[in-house]
């Protein structure tokens, strides 16, 4: 019985999508008067402000990434060949997280 209701629901949604000429029946149209680039209350472009903030965050995270990499190198030089400290593992986790954050912000543009 549940399958029949699901099939009926999907059929209705497909019919609505064809009727409206859109692929996504759940699409909420943007405000027609807003334009493609939303503005902040101070009149500046929201997209430009987000890009500036992302750039500043990338610079900050890259500096932190450099510091962590240098710290890791010093730790590895200090430790022996068969010794891996927990601090080194935590540092590599932080490096990985920062690198993913930077990569994710850069992929937006």
PDB file of N, CA and C in Angstrom:
ATOM      1  N   UNK A   1       0.825  -1.191   0.000  1.00  0.00           N
ATOM      2  CA  UNK A   1       0.000   0.000   0.000  1.00  0.00           C
ATOM      3  C   UNK A   1       0.866   1.251   0.000  1.00  0.00           C
ATOM      4  N   UNK A   2       1.970   1.200   0.770  1.00  0.00           N
ATOM      5  CA  UNK A   2       2.862   2.348   0.822  1.00  0.00           C
ATOM      6  C   UNK A   2       3.505   2.601  -0.531  1.00  0.00           C
ATOM      7  N   UNK A   3       3.800   1.524  -1.234  1.00  0.00           N
ATOM      8  CA  UNK A   3       4.418   1.662  -2.554  1.00  0.00           C
ATOM      9  C   UNK A   3       3.481   2.350  -3.543  1.00  0.00           C
ATOM     10  N   UNK A   4       2.211   2.049  -3.425  1.00  0.00           N
ATOM     11  CA  UNK A   4       1.230   2.672  -4.328  1.00  0.00           C
ATOM     12  C   UNK A   4       1.163   4.173  -4.062  1.00  0.00           C
ATOM     13  N   UNK A   5       1.147   4.558  -2.782  1.00  0.00           N
ATOM     14  CA  UNK A   5       1.099   5.981  -2.442  1.00  0.00           C
ATOM     15  C   UNK A   5       2.358   6.696  -2.911  1.00  0.00           C
ATOM     16  N   UNK A   6       3.505   6.039  -2.747  1.00  0.00           N
ATOM     17  CA  UNK A   6       4.761   6.623  -3.196  1.00  0.00           C
ATOM     18  C   UNK A   6       4.768   6.788  -4.711  1.00  0.00           C
ATOM     19  N   UNK A   7       4.306   5.784  -5.421  1.00  0.00           N
ATOM     20  CA  UNK A   7       4.236   5.863  -6.880  1.00  0.00           C
ATOM     21  C   UNK A   7       3.280   6.965  -7.315  1.00  0.00           C
ATOM     22  N   UNK A   8       2.164   7.090  -6.638  1.00  0.00           N
ATOM     23  CA  UNK A   8       1.194   8.139  -6.951  1.00  0.00           C
ATOM     24  C   UNK A   8       1.786   9.526  -6.699  1.00  0.00           C
ATOM     25  N   UNK A   9       2.492   9.672  -5.590  1.00  0.00           N
ATOM     26  CA  UNK A   9       3.121  10.948  -5.262  1.00  0.00           C
ATOM     27  C   UNK A   9       4.166  11.323  -6.309  1.00  0.00           C
ATOM     28  N   UNK A  10       4.992  10.374  -6.687  1.00  0.00           N
ATOM     29  CA  UNK A  10       6.011  10.643  -7.707  1.00  0.00           C
ATOM     30  C   UNK A  10       5.388  11.000  -9.047  1.00  0.00           C
ATOM     31  N   UNK A  11       4.302  10.357  -9.403  1.00  0.00           N
ATOM     32  CA  UNK A  11       3.616  10.660 -10.654  1.00  0.00           C
ATOM     33  C   UNK A  11       3.060  12.082 -10.640  1.00  0.00           C
ATOM     34  N   UNK A  12       2.461  12.469  -9.528  1.00  0.00           N
ATOM     35  CA  UNK A  12       1.919  13.826  -9.405  1.00  0.00           C
ATOM     36  C   UNK A  12       3.043  14.862  -9.482  1.00  0.00           C
ATOM     37  N   UNK A  13       4.148  14.605  -8.799  1.00  0.00           N
ATOM     38  CA  UNK A  13       5.272  15.539  -8.845  1.00  0.00           C
ATOM     39  C   UNK A  13       5.858  15.648 -10.241  1.00  0.00           C
ATOM     40  N   UNK A  14       5.950  14.535 -10.946  1.00  0.00           N
ATOM     41  CA  UNK A  14       6.463  14.576 -12.317  1.00  0.00           C
ATOM     42  C   UNK A  14       5.522  15.364 -13.214  1.00  0.00           C
ATOM     43  N   UNK A  15       4.227  15.181 -13.025  1.00  0.00           N
ATOM     44  CA  UNK A  15       3.253  15.921 -13.821  1.00  0.00           C
ATOM     45  C   UNK A  15       3.340  17.420 -13.526  1.00  0.00           C
ATOM     46  N   UNK A  16       3.510  17.775 -12.270  1.00  0.00           N
ATOM     47  CA  UNK A  16       3.657  19.185 -11.920  1.00  0.00           C
ATOM     48  C   UNK A  16       4.918  19.783 -12.526  1.00  0.00           C
ATOM     49  N   UNK A  17       5.985  19.009 -12.529  1.00  0.00           N
ATOM     50  CA  UNK A  17       7.239  19.511 -13.090  1.00  0.00           C
ATOM     51  C   UNK A  17       7.095  19.751 -14.584  1.00  0.00           C
ATOM     52  N   UNK A  18       6.390  18.857 -15.301  1.00  0.00           N
ATOM     53  CA  UNK A  18       6.195  19.039 -16.733  1.00  0.00           C
ATOM     54  C   UNK A  18       5.255  20.200 -17.000  1.00  0.00           C
ATOM     55  N   UNK A  19       4.270  20.348 -16.170  1.00  0.00           N
ATOM     56  CA  UNK A  19       3.278  21.398 -16.354  1.00  0.00           C
ATOM     57  C   UNK A  19       3.887  22.782 -16.172  1.00  0.00           C
ATOM     58  N   UNK A  20       4.776  22.921 -15.207  1.00  0.00           N
ATOM     59  CA  UNK A  20       5.365  24.226 -14.945  1.00  0.00           C
ATOM     60  C   UNK A  20       6.595  24.482 -15.801  1.00  0.00           C
ATOM     61  N   UNK A  21       7.110  23.461 -16.480  1.00  0.00           N
ATOM     62  CA  UNK A  21       8.259  23.652 -17.350  1.00  0.00           C
ATOM     63  C   UNK A  21       9.582  23.613 -16.595  1.00  0.00           C
ATOM     64  N   UNK A  22       9.565  23.203 -15.344  1.00  0.00           N
ATOM     65  CA  UNK A  22      10.786  23.111 -14.548  1.00  0.00           C
ATOM     66  C   UNK A  22      11.045  21.658 -14.224  1.00  0.00           C
ATOM     67  N   UNK A  23      12.295  21.354 -13.963  1.00  0.00           N
ATOM     68  CA  UNK A  23      12.653  19.999 -13.571  1.00  0.00           C
ATOM     69  C   UNK A  23      12.389  19.768 -12.089  1.00  0.00           C
ATOM     70  N   UNK A  24      12.547  20.788 -11.271  1.00  0.00           N
ATOM     71  CA  UNK A  24      12.416  20.650  -9.829  1.00  0.00           C
ATOM     72  C   UNK A  24      11.089  21.250  -9.374  1.00  0.00           C
ATOM     73  N   UNK A  25      10.130  20.429  -8.978  1.00  0.00           N
ATOM     74  CA  UNK A  25       8.839  20.980  -8.555  1.00  0.00           C
ATOM     75  C   UNK A  25       8.923  21.713  -7.224  1.00  0.00           C
ATOM     76  N   UNK A  26      10.016  21.536  -6.480  1.00  0.00           N
ATOM     77  CA  UNK A  26      10.173  22.194  -5.197  1.00  0.00           C
ATOM     78  C   UNK A  26      10.954  23.491  -5.304  1.00  0.00           C
ATOM     79  N   UNK A  27      11.286  23.909  -6.514  1.00  0.00           N
ATOM     80  CA  UNK A  27      12.071  25.127  -6.732  1.00  0.00           C
ATOM     81  C   UNK A  27      11.270  26.346  -6.287  1.00  0.00           C
ATOM     82  N   UNK A  28      11.889  27.158  -5.479  1.00  0.00           N
ATOM     83  CA  UNK A  28      11.266  28.400  -5.031  1.00  0.00           C
ATOM     84  C   UNK A  28      11.868  29.529  -5.861  1.00  0.00           C
ATOM     85  N   UNK A  29      11.071  30.227  -6.659  1.00  0.00           N
ATOM     86  CA  UNK A  29      11.631  31.277  -7.504  1.00  0.00           C
ATOM     87  C   UNK A  29      12.158  32.438  -6.673  1.00  0.00           C
ATOM     88  N   UNK A  30      13.215  33.046  -7.176  1.00  0.00           N
ATOM     89  CA  UNK A  30      13.799  34.204  -6.499  1.00  0.00           C
ATOM     90  C   UNK A  30      12.872  35.400  -6.641  1.00  0.00           C
ATOM     91  N   UNK A  31      13.035  36.337  -5.765  1.00  0.00           N
ATOM     92  CA  UNK A  31      12.263  37.569  -5.830  1.00  0.00           C
ATOM     93  C   UNK A  31      12.572  38.265  -7.152  1.00  0.00           C
ATOM     94  N   UNK A  32      11.586  38.521  -8.008  1.00  0.00           N
ATOM     95  CA  UNK A  32      11.878  39.087  -9.331  1.00  0.00           C
ATOM     96  C   UNK A  32      12.525  40.466  -9.291  1.00  0.00           C
ATOM     97  N   UNK A  33      12.336  41.212  -8.239  1.00  0.00           N
ATOM     98  CA  UNK A  33      12.921  42.545  -8.171  1.00  0.00           C
ATOM     99  C   UNK A  33      14.318  42.573  -7.593  1.00  0.00           C
ATOM    100  N   UNK A  34      14.815  41.425  -7.142  1.00  0.00           N
ATOM    101  CA  UNK A  34      16.094  41.423  -6.444  1.00  0.00           C
ATOM    102  C   UNK A  34      17.296  41.418  -7.373  1.00  0.00           C
ATOM    103  N   UNK A  35      17.177  40.931  -8.581  1.00  0.00           N
ATOM    104  CA  UNK A  35      18.326  40.828  -9.469  1.00  0.00           C
ATOM    105  C   UNK A  35      19.150  39.606  -9.119  1.00  0.00           C
ATOM    106  N   UNK A  36      20.263  39.423  -9.804  1.00  0.00           N
ATOM    107  CA  UNK A  36      21.055  38.220  -9.578  1.00  0.00           C
ATOM    108  C   UNK A  36      22.091  38.394  -8.466  1.00  0.00           C
ATOM    109  N   UNK A  37      22.425  39.626  -8.129  1.00  0.00           N
ATOM    110  CA  UNK A  37      23.445  39.879  -7.117  1.00  0.00           C
ATOM    111  C   UNK A  37      22.800  40.593  -5.937  1.00  0.00           C
ATOM    112  N   UNK A  38      22.544  39.868  -4.840  1.00  0.00           N
ATOM    113  CA  UNK A  38      21.884  40.510  -3.701  1.00  0.00           C
ATOM    114  C   UNK A  38      22.783  41.564  -3.062  1.00  0.00           C
ATOM    115  N   UNK A  39      22.173  42.582  -2.552  1.00  0.00           N
ATOM    116  CA  UNK A  39      22.896  43.688  -1.908  1.00  0.00           C
ATOM    117  C   UNK A  39      22.689  43.635  -0.407  1.00  0.00           C
ATOM    118  N   UNK A  40      23.708  44.048   0.319  1.00  0.00           N
ATOM    119  CA  UNK A  40      23.615  44.177   1.760  1.00  0.00           C
ATOM    120  C   UNK A  40      22.931  45.499   2.099  1.00  0.00           C
ATOM    121  N   UNK A  41      22.495  45.669   3.348  1.00  0.00           N
ATOM    122  CA  UNK A  41      21.837  46.930   3.721  1.00  0.00           C
ATOM    123  C   UNK A  41      22.705  48.165   3.493  1.00  0.00           C
ATOM    124  N   UNK A  42      24.045  47.997   3.518  1.00  0.00           N
ATOM    125  CA  UNK A  42      24.915  49.153   3.279  1.00  0.00           C
ATOM    126  C   UNK A  42      25.144  49.415   1.794  1.00  0.00           C
ATOM    127  N   UNK A  43      24.509  48.614   0.908  1.00  0.00           N
ATOM    128  CA  UNK A  43      24.598  48.840  -0.534  1.00  0.00           C
ATOM    129  C   UNK A  43      25.684  48.045  -1.234  1.00  0.00           C
ATOM    130  N   UNK A  44      26.525  47.356  -0.478  1.00  0.00           N
ATOM    131  CA  UNK A  44      27.604  46.585  -1.086  1.00  0.00           C
ATOM    132  C   UNK A  44      27.079  45.234  -1.560  1.00  0.00           C
ATOM    133  N   UNK A  45      27.778  44.658  -2.527  1.00  0.00           N
ATOM    134  CA  UNK A  45      27.411  43.366  -3.068  1.00  0.00           C
ATOM    135  C   UNK A  45      27.699  42.269  -2.046  1.00  0.00           C
ATOM    136  N   UNK A  46      26.708  41.426  -1.810  1.00  0.00           N
ATOM    137  CA  UNK A  46      26.883  40.340  -0.858  1.00  0.00           C
ATOM    138  C   UNK A  46      27.935  39.356  -1.353  1.00  0.00           C
ATOM    139  N   UNK A  47      27.944  39.065  -2.652  1.00  0.00           N
ATOM    140  CA  UNK A  47      28.912  38.127  -3.207  1.00  0.00           C
ATOM    141  C   UNK A  47      30.336  38.651  -3.068  1.00  0.00           C
ATOM    142  N   UNK A  48      30.530  39.948  -3.276  1.00  0.00           N
ATOM    143  CA  UNK A  48      31.868  40.525  -3.130  1.00  0.00           C
ATOM    144  C   UNK A  48      32.341  40.471  -1.688  1.00  0.00           C
ATOM    145  N   UNK A  49      31.441  40.719  -0.756  1.00  0.00           N
ATOM    146  CA  UNK A  49      31.813  40.682   0.656  1.00  0.00           C
ATOM    147  C   UNK A  49      32.152  39.258   1.094  1.00  0.00           C
ATOM    148  N   UNK A  50      31.424  38.288   0.593  1.00  0.00           N
ATOM    149  CA  UNK A  50      31.724  36.894   0.914  1.00  0.00           C
ATOM    150  C   UNK A  50      33.082  36.509   0.343  1.00  0.00           C
ATOM    151  N   UNK A  51      33.373  36.940  -0.885  1.00  0.00           N
ATOM    152  CA  UNK A  51      34.663  36.632  -1.507  1.00  0.00           C
ATOM    153  C   UNK A  51      35.814  37.275  -0.724  1.00  0.00           C
ATOM    154  N   UNK A  52      35.621  38.506  -0.270  1.00  0.00           N
ATOM    155  CA  UNK A  52      36.666  39.170   0.520  1.00  0.00           C
ATOM    156  C   UNK A  52      36.905  38.445   1.837  1.00  0.00           C
ATOM    157  N   UNK A  53      35.830  38.042   2.488  1.00  0.00           N
ATOM    158  CA  UNK A  53      35.958  37.334   3.757  1.00  0.00           C
ATOM    159  C   UNK A  53      36.637  35.975   3.554  1.00  0.00           C
ATOM    160  N   UNK A  54      36.257  35.273   2.484  1.00  0.00           N
ATOM    161  CA  UNK A  54      36.904  33.991   2.182  1.00  0.00           C
ATOM    162  C   UNK A  54      38.395  34.178   1.916  1.00  0.00           C
ATOM    163  N   UNK A  55      38.752  35.247   1.215  1.00  0.00           N
ATOM    164  CA  UNK A  55      40.161  35.521   0.927  1.00  0.00           C
ATOM    165  C   UNK A  55      40.945  35.754   2.219  1.00  0.00           C
ATOM    166  N   UNK A  56      40.383  36.544   3.121  1.00  0.00           N
ATOM    167  CA  UNK A  56      41.042  36.792   4.402  1.00  0.00           C
ATOM    168  C   UNK A  56      41.184  35.494   5.209  1.00  0.00           C
ATOM    169  N   UNK A  57      40.134  34.664   5.195  1.00  0.00           N
ATOM    170  CA  UNK A  57      40.197  33.387   5.900  1.00  0.00           C
ATOM    171  C   UNK A  57      41.246  32.460   5.282  1.00  0.00           C
ATOM    172  N   UNK A  58      41.365  32.481   3.950  1.00  0.00           N
ATOM    173  CA  UNK A  58      42.373  31.659   3.288  1.00  0.00           C
ATOM    174  C   UNK A  58      43.784  32.103   3.676  1.00  0.00           C
ATOM    175  N   UNK A  59      44.004  33.402   3.734  1.00  0.00           N
ATOM    176  CA  UNK A  59      45.316  33.917   4.118  1.00  0.00           C
ATOM    177  C   UNK A  59      45.640  33.515   5.557  1.00  0.00           C
ATOM    178  N   UNK A  60      44.668  33.680   6.448  1.00  0.00           N
ATOM    179  CA  UNK A  60      44.872  33.323   7.855  1.00  0.00           C
ATOM    180  C   UNK A  60      45.147  31.826   8.005  1.00  0.00           C
ATOM    181  N   UNK A  61      44.361  30.998   7.322  1.00  0.00           N
ATOM    182  CA  UNK A  61      44.537  29.557   7.430  1.00  0.00           C
ATOM    183  C   UNK A  61      45.839  29.095   6.783  1.00  0.00           C
ATOM    184  N   UNK A  62      46.261  29.742   5.697  1.00  0.00           N
ATOM    185  CA  UNK A  62      47.532  29.379   5.068  1.00  0.00           C
ATOM    186  C   UNK A  62      48.701  29.691   5.989  1.00  0.00           C
ATOM    187  N   UNK A  63      48.633  30.807   6.695  1.00  0.00           N
ATOM    188  CA  UNK A  63      49.691  31.143   7.656  1.00  0.00           C
ATOM    189  C   UNK A  63      49.724  30.115   8.791  1.00  0.00           C
ATOM    190  N   UNK A  64      48.552  29.717   9.266  1.00  0.00           N
ATOM    191  CA  UNK A  64      48.480  28.706  10.316  1.00  0.00           C
ATOM    192  C   UNK A  64      48.980  27.360   9.793  1.00  0.00           C
ATOM    193  N   UNK A  65      48.664  27.064   8.536  1.00  0.00           N
ATOM    194  CA  UNK A  65      49.119  25.823   7.911  1.00  0.00           C
ATOM    195  C   UNK A  65      50.642  25.784   7.837  1.00  0.00           C
ATOM    196  N   UNK A  66      51.242  26.895   7.469  1.00  0.00           N
ATOM    197  CA  UNK A  66      52.698  26.988   7.406  1.00  0.00           C
ATOM    198  C   UNK A  66      53.317  26.776   8.789  1.00  0.00           C
ATOM    199  N   UNK A  67      52.739  27.407   9.802  1.00  0.00           N
ATOM    200  CA  UNK A  67      53.259  27.269  11.168  1.00  0.00           C
ATOM    201  C   UNK A  67      53.154  25.825  11.642  1.00  0.00           C
ATOM    202  N   UNK A  68      52.007  25.189  11.388  1.00  0.00           N
ATOM    203  CA  UNK A  68      51.840  23.802  11.804  1.00  0.00           C
ATOM    204  C   UNK A  68      52.803  22.870  11.080  1.00  0.00           C
ATOM    205  N   UNK A  69      53.032  23.123   9.801  1.00  0.00           N
ATOM    206  CA  UNK A  69      53.967  22.289   9.040  1.00  0.00           C
ATOM    207  C   UNK A  69      55.390  22.434   9.577  1.00  0.00           C
ATOM    208  N   UNK A  70      55.781  23.633   9.936  1.00  0.00           N
ATOM    209  CA  UNK A  70      57.111  23.845  10.508  1.00  0.00           C
ATOM    210  C   UNK A  70      57.225  23.177  11.879  1.00  0.00           C
ATOM    211  N   UNK A  71      56.164  23.267  12.678  1.00  0.00           N
ATOM    212  CA  UNK A  71      56.156  22.605  13.978  1.00  0.00           C
ATOM    213  C   UNK A  71      56.261  21.087  13.816  1.00  0.00           C
ATOM    214  N   UNK A  72      55.531  20.553  12.837  1.00  0.00           N
ATOM    215  CA  UNK A  72      55.571  19.120  12.589  1.00  0.00           C
ATOM    216  C   UNK A  72      56.970  18.685  12.162  1.00  0.00           C
ATOM    217  N   UNK A  73      57.596  19.471  11.311  1.00  0.00           N
ATOM    218  CA  UNK A  73      58.954  19.140  10.875  1.00  0.00           C
ATOM    219  C   UNK A  73      59.916  19.127  12.063  1.00  0.00           C
ATOM    220  N   UNK A  74      59.787  20.102  12.940  1.00  0.00           N
ATOM    221  CA  UNK A  74      60.650  20.149  14.125  1.00  0.00           C
ATOM    222  C   UNK A  74      60.398  18.944  15.039  1.00  0.00           C
ATOM    223  N   UNK A  75      59.126  18.560  15.196  1.00  0.00           N
ATOM    224  CA  UNK A  75      58.798  17.403  16.019  1.00  0.00           C
ATOM    225  C   UNK A  75      59.389  16.127  15.422  1.00  0.00           C
ATOM    226  N   UNK A  76      59.270  15.965  14.107  1.00  0.00           N
ATOM    227  CA  UNK A  76      59.783  14.766  13.461  1.00  0.00           C
ATOM    228  C   UNK A  76      61.303  14.712  13.516  1.00  0.00           C
ATOM    229  N   UNK A  77      61.961  15.875  13.411  1.00  0.00           N
ATOM    230  CA  UNK A  77      63.415  15.914  13.532  1.00  0.00           C
ATOM    231  C   UNK A  77      63.851  15.541  14.957  1.00  0.00           C
ATOM    232  N   UNK A  78      63.073  15.951  15.925  1.00  0.00           N
ATOM    233  CA  UNK A  78      63.402  15.711  17.336  1.00  0.00           C
ATOM    234  C   UNK A  78      63.169  14.256  17.718  1.00  0.00           C
ATOM    235  N   UNK A  79      62.078  13.660  17.208  1.00  0.00           N
ATOM    236  CA  UNK A  79      61.753  12.275  17.541  1.00  0.00           C
ATOM    237  C   UNK A  79      62.694  11.330  16.807  1.00  0.00           C
ATOM    238  N   UNK A  80      62.741  10.108  17.290  1.00  0.00           N
ATOM    239  CA  UNK A  80      63.565   9.093  16.647  1.00  0.00           C
ATOM    240  C   UNK A  80      62.872   8.511  15.430  1.00  0.00           C
ATOM    241  N   UNK A  81      63.576   7.609  14.748  1.00  0.00           N
ATOM    242  CA  UNK A  81      63.046   7.011  13.529  1.00  0.00           C
ATOM    243  C   UNK A  81      61.855   6.101  13.812  1.00  0.00           C
ATOM    244  N   UNK A  82      61.800   5.501  14.993  1.00  0.00           N
ATOM    245  CA  UNK A  82      60.749   4.549  15.308  1.00  0.00           C
ATOM    246  C   UNK A  82      59.761   5.079  16.342  1.00  0.00           C
ATOM    247  N   UNK A  83      59.742   6.403  16.514  1.00  0.00           N
ATOM    248  CA  UNK A  83      58.870   7.015  17.512  1.00  0.00           C
ATOM    249  C   UNK A  83      57.918   7.974  16.812  1.00  0.00           C
ATOM    250  N   UNK A  84      56.630   7.818  17.093  1.00  0.00           N
ATOM    251  CA  UNK A  84      55.619   8.740  16.585  1.00  0.00           C
ATOM    252  C   UNK A  84      54.854   9.256  17.792  1.00  0.00           C
ATOM    253  N   UNK A  85      54.945  10.538  18.037  1.00  0.00           N
ATOM    254  CA  UNK A  85      54.265  11.100  19.200  1.00  0.00           C
ATOM    255  C   UNK A  85      52.810  11.404  18.877  1.00  0.00           C
ATOM    256  N   UNK A  86      52.004  11.436  19.913  1.00  0.00           N
ATOM    257  CA  UNK A  86      50.586  11.775  19.764  1.00  0.00           C
ATOM    258  C   UNK A  86      50.455  13.216  19.289  1.00  0.00           C
ATOM    259  N   UNK A  87      51.354  14.076  19.727  1.00  0.00           N
ATOM    260  CA  UNK A  87      51.327  15.477  19.307  1.00  0.00           C
ATOM    261  C   UNK A  87      51.528  15.591  17.794  1.00  0.00           C
ATOM    262  N   UNK A  88      52.398  14.759  17.239  1.00  0.00           N
ATOM    263  CA  UNK A  88      52.621  14.771  15.783  1.00  0.00           C
ATOM    264  C   UNK A  88      51.359  14.348  15.037  1.00  0.00           C
ATOM    265  N   UNK A  89      50.676  13.353  15.559  1.00  0.00           N
ATOM    266  CA  UNK A  89      49.437  12.897  14.925  1.00  0.00           C
ATOM    267  C   UNK A  89      48.356  13.969  14.992  1.00  0.00           C
ATOM    268  N   UNK A  90      48.255  14.649  16.123  1.00  0.00           N
ATOM    269  CA  UNK A  90      47.267  15.725  16.256  1.00  0.00           C
ATOM    270  C   UNK A  90      47.596  16.879  15.308  1.00  0.00           C
ATOM    271  N   UNK A  91      48.892  17.153  15.159  1.00  0.00           N
ATOM    272  CA  UNK A  91      49.305  18.224  14.255  1.00  0.00           C
ATOM    273  C   UNK A  91      48.952  17.875  12.815  1.00  0.00           C
ATOM    274  N   UNK A  92      49.157  16.620  12.428  1.00  0.00           N
ATOM    275  CA  UNK A  92      48.797  16.226  11.059  1.00  0.00           C
ATOM    276  C   UNK A  92      47.285  16.301  10.840  1.00  0.00           C
ATOM    277  N   UNK A  93      46.501  15.996  11.875  1.00  0.00           N
ATOM    278  CA  UNK A  93      45.042  16.135  11.758  1.00  0.00           C
ATOM    279  C   UNK A  93      44.645  17.599  11.564  1.00  0.00           C
ATOM    280  N   UNK A  94      45.296  18.498  12.302  1.00  0.00           N
ATOM    281  CA  UNK A  94      45.005  19.928  12.152  1.00  0.00           C
ATOM    282  C   UNK A  94      45.408  20.414  10.763  1.00  0.00           C
ATOM    283  N   UNK A  95      46.541  19.935  10.270  1.00  0.00           N
ATOM    284  CA  UNK A  95      46.999  20.321   8.931  1.00  0.00           C
ATOM    285  C   UNK A  95      45.990  19.859   7.890  1.00  0.00           C
ATOM    286  N   UNK A  96      45.528  18.630   8.022  1.00  0.00           N
ATOM    287  CA  UNK A  96      44.555  18.095   7.070  1.00  0.00           C
ATOM    288  C   UNK A  96      43.257  18.897   7.093  1.00  0.00           C
ATOM    289  N   UNK A  97      42.774  19.247   8.290  1.00  0.00           N
ATOM    290  CA  UNK A  97      41.531  20.011   8.408  1.00  0.00           C
ATOM    291  C   UNK A  97      41.678  21.399   7.774  1.00  0.00           C
ATOM    292  N   UNK A  98      42.788  22.075   8.052  1.00  0.00           N
ATOM    293  CA  UNK A  98      42.997  23.398   7.464  1.00  0.00           C
ATOM    294  C   UNK A  98      43.092  23.322   5.947  1.00  0.00           C
ATOM    295  N   UNK A  99      43.797  22.313   5.439  1.00  0.00           N
ATOM    296  CA  UNK A  99      43.932  22.170   3.994  1.00  0.00           C
ATOM    297  C   UNK A  99      42.567  21.925   3.341  1.00  0.00           C
ATOM    298  N   UNK A 100      41.712  21.116   3.985  1.00  0.00           N
ATOM    299  CA  UNK A 100      40.372  20.870   3.443  1.00  0.00           C
ATOM    300  C   UNK A 100      39.523  22.137   3.477  1.00  0.00           C
ATOM    301  N   UNK A 101      39.661  22.920   4.545  1.00  0.00           N
ATOM    302  CA  UNK A 101      38.901  24.173   4.636  1.00  0.00           C
ATOM    303  C   UNK A 101      39.296  25.133   3.519  1.00  0.00           C
ATOM    304  N   UNK A 102      40.601  25.278   3.308  1.00  0.00           N
ATOM    305  CA  UNK A 102      41.083  26.166   2.245  1.00  0.00           C
ATOM    306  C   UNK A 102      40.615  25.649   0.886  1.00  0.00           C
ATOM    307  N   UNK A 103      40.741  24.356   0.669  1.00  0.00           N
ATOM    308  CA  UNK A 103      40.336  23.759  -0.607  1.00  0.00           C
ATOM    309  C   UNK A 103      38.854  23.977  -0.869  1.00  0.00           C
ATOM    310  N   UNK A 104      38.035  23.810   0.155  1.00  0.00           N
ATOM    311  CA  UNK A 104      36.602  23.999  -0.001  1.00  0.00           C
ATOM    312  C   UNK A 104      36.236  25.437  -0.345  1.00  0.00           C
ATOM    313  N   UNK A 105      36.912  26.397   0.283  1.00  0.00           N
ATOM    314  CA  UNK A 105      36.641  27.807  -0.031  1.00  0.00           C
ATOM    315  C   UNK A 105      37.101  28.161  -1.438  1.00  0.00           C
ATOM    316  N   UNK A 106      38.226  27.597  -1.860  1.00  0.00           N
ATOM    317  CA  UNK A 106      38.743  27.907  -3.194  1.00  0.00           C
ATOM    318  C   UNK A 106      37.881  27.289  -4.291  1.00  0.00           C
ATOM    319  N   UNK A 107      37.252  26.159  -4.022  1.00  0.00           N
ATOM    320  CA  UNK A 107      36.412  25.489  -5.022  1.00  0.00           C
ATOM    321  C   UNK A 107      35.145  26.275  -5.318  1.00  0.00           C
ATOM    322  N   UNK A 108      34.739  27.172  -4.450  1.00  0.00           N
ATOM    323  CA  UNK A 108      33.525  27.958  -4.689  1.00  0.00           C
ATOM    324  C   UNK A 108      33.674  28.869  -5.893  1.00  0.00           C
ATOM    325  N   UNK A 109      34.898  29.263  -6.189  1.00  0.00           N
ATOM    326  CA  UNK A 109      35.110  30.250  -7.241  1.00  0.00           C
ATOM    327  C   UNK A 109      35.786  29.604  -8.368  1.00  0.00           C
TER     328      UNK A 109
END
